[in-house]
Amino acid sequence: MDPVGIFDLVDWKRRVSELYRRVREADDPPKAWDMWRRVRADLFRTHPQSPVPAGERVTYVGPHYFDYDPAGRVLATVAPSERETVTIEASEGVMELIRLATAHFELYGRPSQLDLFWFNTYGGGLFLSFQDATSGKSTYGGCRYLLDTVKGADLGMEDGKLVLDFNFSYQPSCSYDPRWVCPLAPASNRIGVEVQAGERLSRAGTE
């Protein structure tokens, strides 16, 4: 990557981190979600590090989302697990992450759990991806992300529990352009219900 591209990436991370800071500080999740969508739409259309291919940005009208669902926001109890290095499928090849904990919560009346991972690189970062019954149908088949603190995507804690708001789940960059290499969801992070919250494919299902 050339130096200009590096500073563009730093700026992208800075803007995303600031966006999530504002989300965490907001006292009205639906209004915070509206702000999050507006800022993401602007970044996707205008920023040099947008995952949307450069030639498509001017006319791009996404990202697309399900309607906000209050039931999609849950608080999870985090149980530490024995740390182990796990190989996770990526959009190209595989990646090694450290499994460090499991988030336990109830979603749509059903007990659920998702493993939390840590990027084993300088500085590290918390990572949480998932698949559900919408994957490959109305949402991207590879997975959606809830947390990726390397990029600044962090919903924080509340009353000692981890905030998992599926309305803020989003597609990885590789779903827009294969030049991006993204970790996907491990087999342990598949939810057996339709999570109709967060980012979705366009209504035509062409993205």
Protein backbone atom coordinates (compact mmCIF):
# COMPACT_ATOMS: atom_id res chain seq x y z
CA MET A 1 0.00 0.00 0.00
CA ASP A 2 1.32 3.45 -0.87
CA PRO A 3 1.72 6.07 1.91
CA VAL A 4 -1.42 7.94 0.79
CA GLY A 5 -3.41 4.72 1.03
CA ILE A 6 -2.05 4.06 4.51
CA PHE A 7 -3.20 7.45 5.78
CA ASP A 8 -6.59 6.94 4.09
CA LEU A 9 -6.92 3.70 6.06
CA VAL A 10 -5.94 5.47 9.29
CA ASP A 11 -8.59 8.10 8.57
CA TRP A 12 -11.22 5.39 7.92
CA LYS A 13 -10.45 3.73 11.25
CA ARG A 14 -10.51 7.09 13.01
CA ARG A 15 -13.92 7.95 11.59
CA VAL A 16 -15.41 4.53 12.35
CA SER A 17 -14.05 4.63 15.92
CA GLU A 18 -15.57 8.08 16.42
CA LEU A 19 -18.90 6.85 15.04
CA TYR A 20 -19.02 3.95 17.50
CA ARG A 21 -18.02 6.25 20.35
CA ARG A 22 -21.09 8.36 19.56
CA VAL A 23 -23.25 5.21 19.38
CA ARG A 24 -22.04 4.05 22.81
CA GLU A 25 -22.74 7.46 24.35
CA ALA A 26 -26.24 7.75 22.90
CA ASP A 27 -29.19 7.10 25.23
CA ASP A 28 -31.61 6.24 22.40
CA PRO A 29 -30.50 3.13 20.46
CA PRO A 30 -32.88 3.65 17.48
CA LYS A 31 -31.67 7.24 17.00
CA ALA A 32 -28.06 6.06 17.34
CA TRP A 33 -28.78 3.44 14.70
CA ASP A 34 -30.16 6.09 12.33
CA MET A 35 -26.97 8.13 12.79
CA TRP A 36 -24.82 5.02 12.26
CA ARG A 37 -26.61 4.27 8.99
CA ARG A 38 -26.26 7.84 7.69
CA VAL A 39 -22.55 8.03 8.46
CA ARG A 40 -21.88 4.61 6.93
CA ALA A 41 -23.77 5.57 3.77
CA ASP A 42 -21.63 8.68 3.40
CA LEU A 43 -18.38 6.78 4.02
CA PHE A 44 -19.32 4.06 1.54
CA ARG A 45 -20.01 6.61 -1.19
CA THR A 46 -17.15 9.05 -0.60
CA HIS A 47 -14.21 7.59 1.32
CA PRO A 48 -11.13 6.24 -0.52
CA GLN A 49 -11.16 3.17 1.77
CA SER A 50 -14.80 2.33 1.06
CA PRO A 51 -15.32 -1.40 0.45
CA VAL A 52 -17.48 -0.49 -2.56
CA PRO A 53 -15.44 -0.61 -5.80
CA ALA A 54 -14.33 2.90 -6.79
CA GLY A 55 -16.24 2.88 -10.08
CA GLU A 56 -19.55 2.13 -8.33
CA ARG A 57 -19.43 4.62 -5.44
CA VAL A 58 -21.05 7.61 -7.12
CA THR A 59 -24.26 5.71 -7.84
CA TYR A 60 -24.19 3.43 -4.79
CA VAL A 61 -27.42 3.66 -2.75
CA GLY A 62 -26.68 1.28 0.14
CA PRO A 63 -25.97 -0.20 2.56
CA HIS A 64 -29.40 -1.79 3.00
CA TYR A 65 -30.94 -2.75 6.34
CA PHE A 66 -33.86 -4.48 7.98
CA ASP A 67 -36.11 -2.16 9.99
CA TYR A 68 -34.88 -1.46 13.50
CA ASP A 69 -35.99 -4.24 15.87
CA PRO A 70 -35.78 -3.46 19.62
CA ALA A 71 -35.76 -7.22 20.32
CA GLY A 72 -32.49 -7.44 18.41
CA ARG A 73 -30.62 -5.61 21.17
CA VAL A 74 -29.49 -7.93 23.96
CA LEU A 75 -27.02 -7.95 26.84
CA ALA A 76 -24.73 -10.95 27.02
CA THR A 77 -23.00 -12.58 29.95
CA VAL A 78 -19.39 -13.28 28.99
CA ALA A 79 -17.86 -16.52 30.26
CA PRO A 80 -14.09 -16.85 29.84
CA SER A 81 -12.94 -20.00 28.11
CA GLU A 82 -9.61 -21.75 27.89
CA ARG A 83 -7.63 -19.79 25.35
CA GLU A 84 -6.85 -21.68 22.20
CA THR A 85 -5.71 -20.79 18.72
CA VAL A 86 -8.44 -21.57 16.20
CA THR A 87 -8.24 -21.65 12.41
CA ILE A 88 -11.17 -19.77 10.88
CA GLU A 89 -12.19 -19.80 7.25
CA ALA A 90 -11.69 -16.49 5.47
CA SER A 91 -13.02 -15.16 2.18
CA GLU A 92 -9.65 -16.26 0.82
CA GLY A 93 -7.69 -18.93 2.70
CA VAL A 94 -7.83 -19.16 6.48
CA MET A 95 -6.90 -17.03 9.49
CA GLU A 96 -5.75 -17.94 12.98
CA LEU A 97 -7.52 -16.25 15.89
CA ILE A 98 -7.58 -16.89 19.62
CA ARG A 99 -10.87 -18.03 21.13
CA LEU A 100 -11.03 -16.41 24.55
CA ALA A 101 -14.65 -16.32 25.76
CA THR A 102 -18.29 -17.12 25.02
CA ALA A 103 -21.15 -14.64 25.11
CA HIS A 104 -24.41 -16.11 26.47
CA PHE A 105 -27.72 -14.33 25.82
CA GLU A 106 -31.37 -14.80 24.91
CA LEU A 107 -32.45 -13.74 21.42
CA TYR A 108 -36.11 -13.85 20.35
CA GLY A 109 -36.88 -16.00 23.39
CA ARG A 110 -34.20 -18.55 22.56
CA PRO A 111 -31.02 -19.14 24.60
CA SER A 112 -28.04 -18.51 22.34
CA GLN A 113 -24.29 -18.19 22.52
CA LEU A 114 -21.46 -16.90 20.35
CA ASP A 115 -17.73 -17.34 20.74
CA LEU A 116 -15.55 -14.25 21.08
CA PHE A 117 -12.17 -14.16 19.36
CA TRP A 118 -9.00 -12.10 19.60
CA PHE A 119 -6.74 -11.17 16.70
CA ASN A 120 -3.28 -12.42 17.62
CA THR A 121 -1.43 -9.48 16.11
CA TYR A 122 0.23 -6.35 17.45
CA GLY A 123 -2.34 -4.53 19.58
CA GLY A 124 -4.90 -7.30 19.07
CA GLY A 125 -8.62 -6.76 18.75
CA LEU A 126 -11.92 -8.35 19.76
CA PHE A 127 -13.86 -10.02 16.95
CA LEU A 128 -17.38 -11.43 16.78
CA SER A 129 -19.04 -12.69 13.60
CA PHE A 130 -22.10 -14.88 13.12
CA GLN A 131 -24.35 -16.65 10.65
CA ASP A 132 -28.08 -17.18 11.09
CA ALA A 133 -31.07 -18.53 9.18
CA THR A 134 -31.06 -15.48 6.86
CA SER A 135 -27.44 -16.11 5.72
CA GLY A 136 -27.26 -16.70 1.99
CA LYS A 137 -30.89 -15.64 1.58
CA SER A 138 -31.61 -12.08 2.63
CA THR A 139 -28.15 -11.48 4.13
CA TYR A 140 -24.60 -12.15 2.98
CA GLY A 141 -23.88 -15.88 3.10
CA GLY A 142 -20.39 -15.64 4.59
CA CYS A 143 -21.42 -13.94 7.84
CA ARG A 144 -22.16 -10.61 9.41
CA TYR A 145 -20.02 -8.81 11.97
CA LEU A 146 -21.11 -7.47 15.34
CA LEU A 147 -17.74 -6.53 16.82
CA ASP A 148 -14.38 -5.80 15.20
CA THR A 149 -12.41 -3.53 17.49
CA VAL A 150 -9.45 -3.48 15.10
CA LYS A 151 -11.69 -1.33 12.88
CA GLY A 152 -13.33 0.46 15.82
CA ALA A 153 -16.63 -1.50 15.80
CA ASP A 154 -17.32 -1.73 19.53
CA LEU A 155 -20.74 -1.44 21.19
CA GLY A 156 -19.37 -1.48 24.74
CA MET A 157 -20.69 -2.84 28.02
CA GLU A 158 -23.83 -2.16 30.05
CA ASP A 159 -24.40 -3.25 33.66
CA GLY A 160 -21.33 -5.46 33.40
CA LYS A 161 -22.65 -7.25 30.31
CA LEU A 162 -21.59 -7.10 26.67
CA VAL A 163 -23.92 -5.15 24.39
CA LEU A 164 -24.89 -7.19 21.32
CA ASP A 165 -27.20 -5.13 19.16
CA PHE A 166 -27.90 -7.12 16.02
CA ASN A 167 -29.37 -4.00 14.42
CA PHE A 168 -25.75 -2.86 14.10
CA SER A 169 -24.57 -6.09 12.46
CA TYR A 170 -22.95 -5.49 9.09
CA GLN A 171 -21.46 -7.25 6.10
CA PRO A 172 -17.69 -7.70 5.84
CA SER A 173 -15.83 -5.74 3.17
CA CYS A 174 -15.27 -8.86 1.05
CA SER A 175 -19.03 -9.01 0.38
CA TYR A 176 -18.63 -5.84 -1.69
CA ASP A 177 -15.32 -6.54 -3.41
CA PRO A 178 -13.21 -9.74 -3.40
CA ARG A 179 -10.00 -7.72 -3.16
CA TRP A 180 -10.69 -7.56 0.59
CA VAL A 181 -9.82 -10.66 2.64
CA CYS A 182 -12.11 -11.11 5.63
CA PRO A 183 -12.46 -13.69 8.42
CA LEU A 184 -15.87 -15.36 8.28
CA ALA A 185 -17.99 -17.04 10.96
CA PRO A 186 -16.73 -20.24 12.60
CA ALA A 187 -19.08 -23.20 12.85
CA SER A 188 -19.67 -22.43 16.54
CA ASN A 189 -21.15 -19.03 15.71
CA ARG A 190 -24.27 -20.08 13.84
CA ILE A 191 -27.62 -19.00 15.27
CA GLY A 192 -30.58 -21.19 14.35
CA VAL A 193 -33.12 -18.37 14.01
CA GLU A 194 -33.70 -15.63 11.46
CA VAL A 195 -32.01 -12.48 12.68
CA GLN A 196 -33.95 -9.91 10.68
CA ALA A 197 -31.97 -7.00 12.07
CA GLY A 198 -28.93 -5.18 10.78
CA GLU A 199 -27.48 -5.02 7.31
CA ARG A 200 -29.11 -7.07 4.57
CA LEU A 201 -28.73 -7.59 0.86
CA SER A 202 -30.59 -5.23 -1.44
CA ARG A 203 -34.22 -6.20 -2.02
CA ALA A 204 -33.21 -7.51 -5.40
CA GLY A 205 -30.59 -9.68 -3.73
CA THR A 206 -27.88 -8.47 -6.10
CA GLU A 207 -25.22 -7.38 -3.60
